[in-house]
Amino acid sequence: ERQAQRLGASIVVSADADAPGISDRIVTISGTFAQQHDALLEVLTRLREAQGAFDQDEEAPFVVLVPSQAAAAVVGTRGRRVSDLIERTCANIEVSREVLAGLAAQP
């Protein structure tokens, strides 16, 4: 929370009751684009460190939940935006349509 204040973003971590049936936590980052960007980089750095990936060249997967109403803007028609992103970055990106039971906002 102190880190969020320094970055100017609001970071909320879900509780067990917020997403029954999944063991992971959902992290919601609110703020301006710049605040969200900086906070996301901090969260990503901590996720990588928690997985033992201290070198930038090491792989360390993470999951991004995208609200249904924004999926087309992120994925693109027939997955074209994701394909372009994979081509430009050489990252491994998988898109799932899995519904998370008990979650109020569905990805």
N, C-alpha and C. Protein backbone atom coordinates (compact mmCIF):
# COMPACT_ATOMS: atom_id res chain seq x y z
N GLU A 1 0.83 -1.19 0.00
CA GLU A 1 0.00 0.00 0.00
C GLU A 1 0.87 1.25 0.00
N ARG A 2 1.97 1.21 0.74
CA ARG A 2 2.88 2.35 0.73
C ARG A 2 3.42 2.58 -0.67
N GLN A 3 3.71 1.49 -1.38
CA GLN A 3 4.21 1.58 -2.75
C GLN A 3 3.15 2.22 -3.64
N ALA A 4 1.89 1.86 -3.46
CA ALA A 4 0.81 2.42 -4.26
C ALA A 4 0.71 3.92 -4.03
N GLN A 5 0.84 4.35 -2.79
CA GLN A 5 0.78 5.77 -2.49
C GLN A 5 1.93 6.52 -3.17
N ARG A 6 3.11 5.92 -3.14
CA ARG A 6 4.27 6.55 -3.79
C ARG A 6 4.03 6.69 -5.29
N LEU A 7 3.38 5.69 -5.88
CA LEU A 7 3.13 5.70 -7.31
C LEU A 7 1.88 6.50 -7.68
N GLY A 8 1.05 6.82 -6.69
CA GLY A 8 -0.17 7.59 -6.94
C GLY A 8 -1.33 6.74 -7.43
N ALA A 9 -1.17 5.44 -7.46
CA ALA A 9 -2.22 4.54 -7.93
C ALA A 9 -2.95 3.93 -6.76
N SER A 10 -4.11 3.39 -7.04
CA SER A 10 -4.85 2.62 -6.05
C SER A 10 -4.70 1.16 -6.42
N ILE A 11 -4.20 0.34 -5.49
CA ILE A 11 -4.02 -1.08 -5.75
C ILE A 11 -4.85 -1.85 -4.73
N VAL A 12 -5.78 -2.67 -5.24
CA VAL A 12 -6.66 -3.46 -4.38
C VAL A 12 -6.43 -4.93 -4.70
N VAL A 13 -6.18 -5.73 -3.67
CA VAL A 13 -5.97 -7.17 -3.82
C VAL A 13 -7.21 -7.87 -3.31
N SER A 14 -7.76 -8.77 -4.12
CA SER A 14 -8.99 -9.46 -3.75
C SER A 14 -8.79 -10.34 -2.53
N ALA A 15 -9.87 -10.54 -1.82
CA ALA A 15 -9.89 -11.46 -0.68
C ALA A 15 -10.41 -12.81 -1.16
N ASP A 16 -10.29 -13.84 -0.33
CA ASP A 16 -10.79 -15.17 -0.69
C ASP A 16 -12.25 -15.12 -1.11
N ALA A 17 -13.05 -14.36 -0.39
CA ALA A 17 -14.49 -14.31 -0.65
C ALA A 17 -14.82 -13.62 -1.97
N ASP A 18 -13.92 -12.79 -2.48
CA ASP A 18 -14.18 -12.06 -3.71
C ASP A 18 -14.15 -12.96 -4.95
N ALA A 19 -13.40 -14.03 -4.89
CA ALA A 19 -13.27 -14.93 -6.04
C ALA A 19 -13.24 -16.37 -5.55
N PRO A 20 -14.39 -16.86 -5.06
CA PRO A 20 -14.42 -18.24 -4.57
C PRO A 20 -14.11 -19.23 -5.69
N GLY A 21 -13.41 -20.26 -5.35
CA GLY A 21 -13.09 -21.29 -6.34
C GLY A 21 -11.75 -21.10 -7.02
N ILE A 22 -11.10 -19.96 -6.82
CA ILE A 22 -9.76 -19.80 -7.38
C ILE A 22 -8.80 -19.48 -6.24
N SER A 23 -7.60 -19.99 -6.33
CA SER A 23 -6.63 -19.80 -5.26
C SER A 23 -5.81 -18.53 -5.45
N ASP A 24 -5.81 -17.99 -6.64
CA ASP A 24 -5.04 -16.78 -6.93
C ASP A 24 -5.78 -15.54 -6.46
N ARG A 25 -5.09 -14.45 -6.38
CA ARG A 25 -5.68 -13.17 -6.02
C ARG A 25 -5.81 -12.31 -7.27
N ILE A 26 -6.82 -11.47 -7.27
CA ILE A 26 -7.02 -10.54 -8.37
C ILE A 26 -6.54 -9.18 -7.88
N VAL A 27 -5.64 -8.57 -8.64
CA VAL A 27 -5.09 -7.26 -8.28
C VAL A 27 -5.71 -6.23 -9.23
N THR A 28 -6.36 -5.23 -8.65
CA THR A 28 -6.98 -4.17 -9.43
C THR A 28 -6.17 -2.90 -9.23
N ILE A 29 -5.72 -2.31 -10.33
CA ILE A 29 -4.91 -1.09 -10.28
C ILE A 29 -5.71 0.04 -10.91
N SER A 30 -5.95 1.10 -10.14
CA SER A 30 -6.69 2.26 -10.63
C SER A 30 -5.81 3.49 -10.57
N GLY A 31 -6.09 4.44 -11.44
CA GLY A 31 -5.35 5.70 -11.47
C GLY A 31 -5.24 6.18 -12.90
N THR A 32 -4.41 7.18 -13.10
CA THR A 32 -4.17 7.67 -14.46
C THR A 32 -3.37 6.62 -15.22
N PHE A 33 -3.25 6.80 -16.52
CA PHE A 33 -2.47 5.85 -17.31
C PHE A 33 -1.05 5.72 -16.76
N ALA A 34 -0.41 6.85 -16.49
CA ALA A 34 0.97 6.83 -16.00
C ALA A 34 1.05 6.13 -14.65
N GLN A 35 0.09 6.38 -13.76
CA GLN A 35 0.08 5.73 -12.45
C GLN A 35 -0.12 4.23 -12.59
N GLN A 36 -1.06 3.83 -13.45
CA GLN A 36 -1.31 2.40 -13.67
C GLN A 36 -0.08 1.74 -14.27
N HIS A 37 0.55 2.39 -15.22
CA HIS A 37 1.73 1.86 -15.89
C HIS A 37 2.84 1.60 -14.87
N ASP A 38 3.13 2.60 -14.04
CA ASP A 38 4.19 2.47 -13.05
C ASP A 38 3.86 1.39 -12.02
N ALA A 39 2.61 1.35 -11.58
CA ALA A 39 2.20 0.34 -10.60
C ALA A 39 2.26 -1.05 -11.20
N LEU A 40 1.84 -1.20 -12.45
CA LEU A 40 1.88 -2.50 -13.11
C LEU A 40 3.32 -3.00 -13.25
N LEU A 41 4.23 -2.12 -13.59
CA LEU A 41 5.64 -2.52 -13.68
C LEU A 41 6.17 -2.98 -12.32
N GLU A 42 5.76 -2.31 -11.26
CA GLU A 42 6.17 -2.71 -9.91
C GLU A 42 5.59 -4.08 -9.56
N VAL A 43 4.31 -4.28 -9.85
CA VAL A 43 3.67 -5.57 -9.58
C VAL A 43 4.34 -6.67 -10.40
N LEU A 44 4.60 -6.40 -11.67
CA LEU A 44 5.26 -7.38 -12.54
C LEU A 44 6.65 -7.73 -12.01
N THR A 45 7.40 -6.75 -11.56
CA THR A 45 8.73 -7.00 -10.99
C THR A 45 8.63 -7.92 -9.77
N ARG A 46 7.67 -7.65 -8.90
CA ARG A 46 7.50 -8.49 -7.71
C ARG A 46 7.05 -9.89 -8.06
N LEU A 47 6.17 -10.02 -9.06
CA LEU A 47 5.74 -11.35 -9.51
C LEU A 47 6.94 -12.15 -10.03
N ARG A 48 7.76 -11.51 -10.83
CA ARG A 48 8.93 -12.18 -11.40
C ARG A 48 9.89 -12.62 -10.29
N GLU A 49 10.14 -11.73 -9.32
CA GLU A 49 11.02 -12.07 -8.21
C GLU A 49 10.47 -13.23 -7.39
N ALA A 50 9.15 -13.25 -7.18
CA ALA A 50 8.52 -14.33 -6.41
C ALA A 50 8.67 -15.67 -7.12
N GLN A 51 8.82 -15.64 -8.45
CA GLN A 51 9.00 -16.86 -9.23
C GLN A 51 10.48 -17.19 -9.44
N GLY A 52 11.36 -16.40 -8.85
CA GLY A 52 12.78 -16.65 -8.98
C GLY A 52 13.39 -16.15 -10.28
N ALA A 53 12.67 -15.29 -10.99
CA ALA A 53 13.17 -14.76 -12.27
C ALA A 53 13.76 -13.37 -12.02
N PHE A 54 15.03 -13.34 -11.64
CA PHE A 54 15.69 -12.08 -11.33
C PHE A 54 16.36 -11.47 -12.55
N ASP A 55 16.63 -12.29 -13.55
CA ASP A 55 17.24 -11.83 -14.79
C ASP A 55 16.12 -11.50 -15.78
N GLN A 56 16.22 -10.40 -16.48
CA GLN A 56 15.17 -9.99 -17.41
C GLN A 56 14.98 -10.98 -18.55
N ASP A 57 15.96 -11.83 -18.83
CA ASP A 57 15.84 -12.79 -19.91
C ASP A 57 15.14 -14.08 -19.49
N GLU A 58 14.90 -14.25 -18.18
CA GLU A 58 14.21 -15.45 -17.70
C GLU A 58 12.71 -15.30 -17.89
N GLU A 59 12.05 -16.41 -18.21
CA GLU A 59 10.60 -16.39 -18.37
C GLU A 59 9.93 -16.54 -17.02
N ALA A 60 8.85 -15.82 -16.83
CA ALA A 60 8.05 -15.90 -15.62
C ALA A 60 6.62 -15.54 -16.00
N PRO A 61 5.75 -16.53 -16.15
CA PRO A 61 4.40 -16.25 -16.63
C PRO A 61 3.54 -15.50 -15.61
N PHE A 62 2.59 -14.73 -16.12
CA PHE A 62 1.57 -14.11 -15.29
C PHE A 62 0.29 -14.03 -16.10
N VAL A 63 -0.83 -13.87 -15.42
CA VAL A 63 -2.14 -13.87 -16.06
C VAL A 63 -2.76 -12.49 -15.94
N VAL A 64 -3.38 -12.04 -17.01
CA VAL A 64 -4.10 -10.78 -17.02
C VAL A 64 -5.57 -11.10 -17.29
N LEU A 65 -6.45 -10.67 -16.40
CA LEU A 65 -7.88 -10.82 -16.63
C LEU A 65 -8.38 -9.58 -17.36
N VAL A 66 -9.04 -9.79 -18.46
CA VAL A 66 -9.56 -8.68 -19.26
C VAL A 66 -11.08 -8.75 -19.19
N PRO A 67 -11.73 -7.66 -18.78
CA PRO A 67 -13.20 -7.66 -18.74
C PRO A 67 -13.78 -7.99 -20.11
N SER A 68 -14.88 -8.72 -20.12
CA SER A 68 -15.51 -9.14 -21.38
C SER A 68 -15.73 -7.98 -22.33
N GLN A 69 -16.19 -6.84 -21.79
CA GLN A 69 -16.51 -5.71 -22.65
C GLN A 69 -15.27 -5.10 -23.30
N ALA A 70 -14.07 -5.41 -22.81
CA ALA A 70 -12.84 -4.87 -23.39
C ALA A 70 -12.06 -5.91 -24.20
N ALA A 71 -12.54 -7.14 -24.20
CA ALA A 71 -11.79 -8.22 -24.84
C ALA A 71 -11.51 -7.95 -26.32
N ALA A 72 -12.50 -7.49 -27.04
CA ALA A 72 -12.31 -7.25 -28.48
C ALA A 72 -11.23 -6.20 -28.73
N ALA A 73 -11.17 -5.19 -27.89
CA ALA A 73 -10.16 -4.14 -28.05
C ALA A 73 -8.76 -4.68 -27.77
N VAL A 74 -8.66 -5.65 -26.89
CA VAL A 74 -7.35 -6.22 -26.54
C VAL A 74 -6.96 -7.33 -27.50
N VAL A 75 -7.89 -8.22 -27.79
CA VAL A 75 -7.60 -9.40 -28.60
C VAL A 75 -7.63 -9.08 -30.09
N GLY A 76 -8.59 -8.23 -30.49
CA GLY A 76 -8.74 -7.90 -31.90
C GLY A 76 -9.63 -8.90 -32.62
N THR A 77 -10.04 -8.52 -33.80
CA THR A 77 -10.87 -9.40 -34.62
C THR A 77 -10.09 -10.64 -34.99
N ARG A 78 -10.67 -11.79 -34.65
CA ARG A 78 -10.03 -13.09 -34.90
C ARG A 78 -8.63 -13.18 -34.31
N GLY A 79 -8.41 -12.44 -33.20
CA GLY A 79 -7.13 -12.52 -32.51
C GLY A 79 -5.99 -11.78 -33.17
N ARG A 80 -6.32 -10.90 -34.11
CA ARG A 80 -5.28 -10.22 -34.89
C ARG A 80 -4.36 -9.35 -34.03
N ARG A 81 -4.91 -8.61 -33.06
CA ARG A 81 -4.06 -7.76 -32.22
C ARG A 81 -3.10 -8.60 -31.38
N VAL A 82 -3.58 -9.71 -30.88
CA VAL A 82 -2.71 -10.59 -30.10
C VAL A 82 -1.63 -11.18 -31.01
N SER A 83 -2.01 -11.60 -32.20
CA SER A 83 -1.03 -12.14 -33.15
C SER A 83 0.04 -11.12 -33.49
N ASP A 84 -0.38 -9.88 -33.71
CA ASP A 84 0.59 -8.81 -34.00
C ASP A 84 1.51 -8.58 -32.81
N LEU A 85 0.96 -8.60 -31.62
CA LEU A 85 1.76 -8.41 -30.41
C LEU A 85 2.77 -9.54 -30.23
N ILE A 86 2.34 -10.76 -30.48
CA ILE A 86 3.25 -11.91 -30.41
C ILE A 86 4.39 -11.75 -31.42
N GLU A 87 4.02 -11.34 -32.63
CA GLU A 87 5.03 -11.17 -33.68
C GLU A 87 6.04 -10.08 -33.32
N ARG A 88 5.55 -8.95 -32.77
CA ARG A 88 6.44 -7.83 -32.42
C ARG A 88 7.31 -8.12 -31.21
N THR A 89 6.78 -8.86 -30.23
CA THR A 89 7.49 -9.03 -28.96
C THR A 89 8.12 -10.40 -28.77
N CYS A 90 7.69 -11.38 -29.55
CA CYS A 90 8.13 -12.78 -29.40
C CYS A 90 7.70 -13.37 -28.05
N ALA A 91 6.71 -12.75 -27.41
CA ALA A 91 6.19 -13.27 -26.15
C ALA A 91 5.21 -14.41 -26.42
N ASN A 92 5.08 -15.30 -25.47
CA ASN A 92 4.09 -16.37 -25.56
C ASN A 92 2.80 -15.84 -24.94
N ILE A 93 1.77 -15.62 -25.75
CA ILE A 93 0.50 -15.08 -25.27
C ILE A 93 -0.60 -16.07 -25.61
N GLU A 94 -1.31 -16.50 -24.59
CA GLU A 94 -2.42 -17.42 -24.77
C GLU A 94 -3.69 -16.72 -24.32
N VAL A 95 -4.74 -16.82 -25.12
CA VAL A 95 -6.02 -16.21 -24.78
C VAL A 95 -7.00 -17.33 -24.46
N SER A 96 -7.61 -17.24 -23.29
CA SER A 96 -8.58 -18.23 -22.85
C SER A 96 -9.95 -17.59 -22.74
N ARG A 97 -10.98 -18.34 -23.00
CA ARG A 97 -12.35 -17.85 -22.84
C ARG A 97 -12.97 -18.45 -21.58
N GLU A 98 -12.13 -18.94 -20.71
CA GLU A 98 -12.60 -19.60 -19.49
C GLU A 98 -13.40 -18.63 -18.62
N VAL A 99 -14.52 -19.12 -18.12
CA VAL A 99 -15.35 -18.35 -17.21
C VAL A 99 -14.95 -18.74 -15.80
N LEU A 100 -14.73 -17.74 -14.95
CA LEU A 100 -14.34 -17.99 -13.58
C LEU A 100 -15.59 -17.99 -12.70
N ALA A 101 -16.00 -19.15 -12.25
CA ALA A 101 -17.20 -19.29 -11.44
C ALA A 101 -17.11 -18.46 -10.16
N GLY A 102 -18.17 -17.76 -9.85
CA GLY A 102 -18.24 -17.00 -8.62
C GLY A 102 -17.62 -15.61 -8.69
N LEU A 103 -17.07 -15.26 -9.82
CA LEU A 103 -16.44 -13.96 -9.98
C LEU A 103 -17.47 -12.98 -10.54
N ALA A 104 -17.66 -11.87 -9.84
CA ALA A 104 -18.68 -10.91 -10.26
C ALA A 104 -18.40 -10.34 -11.64
N ALA A 105 -17.18 -9.89 -11.87
CA ALA A 105 -16.80 -9.34 -13.18
C ALA A 105 -16.10 -10.43 -13.96
N GLN A 106 -16.71 -10.87 -15.03
CA GLN A 106 -16.13 -11.96 -15.80
C GLN A 106 -15.15 -11.46 -16.84
N PRO A 107 -14.01 -12.14 -16.96
CA PRO A 107 -13.05 -11.78 -17.99
C PRO A 107 -13.58 -12.22 -19.36
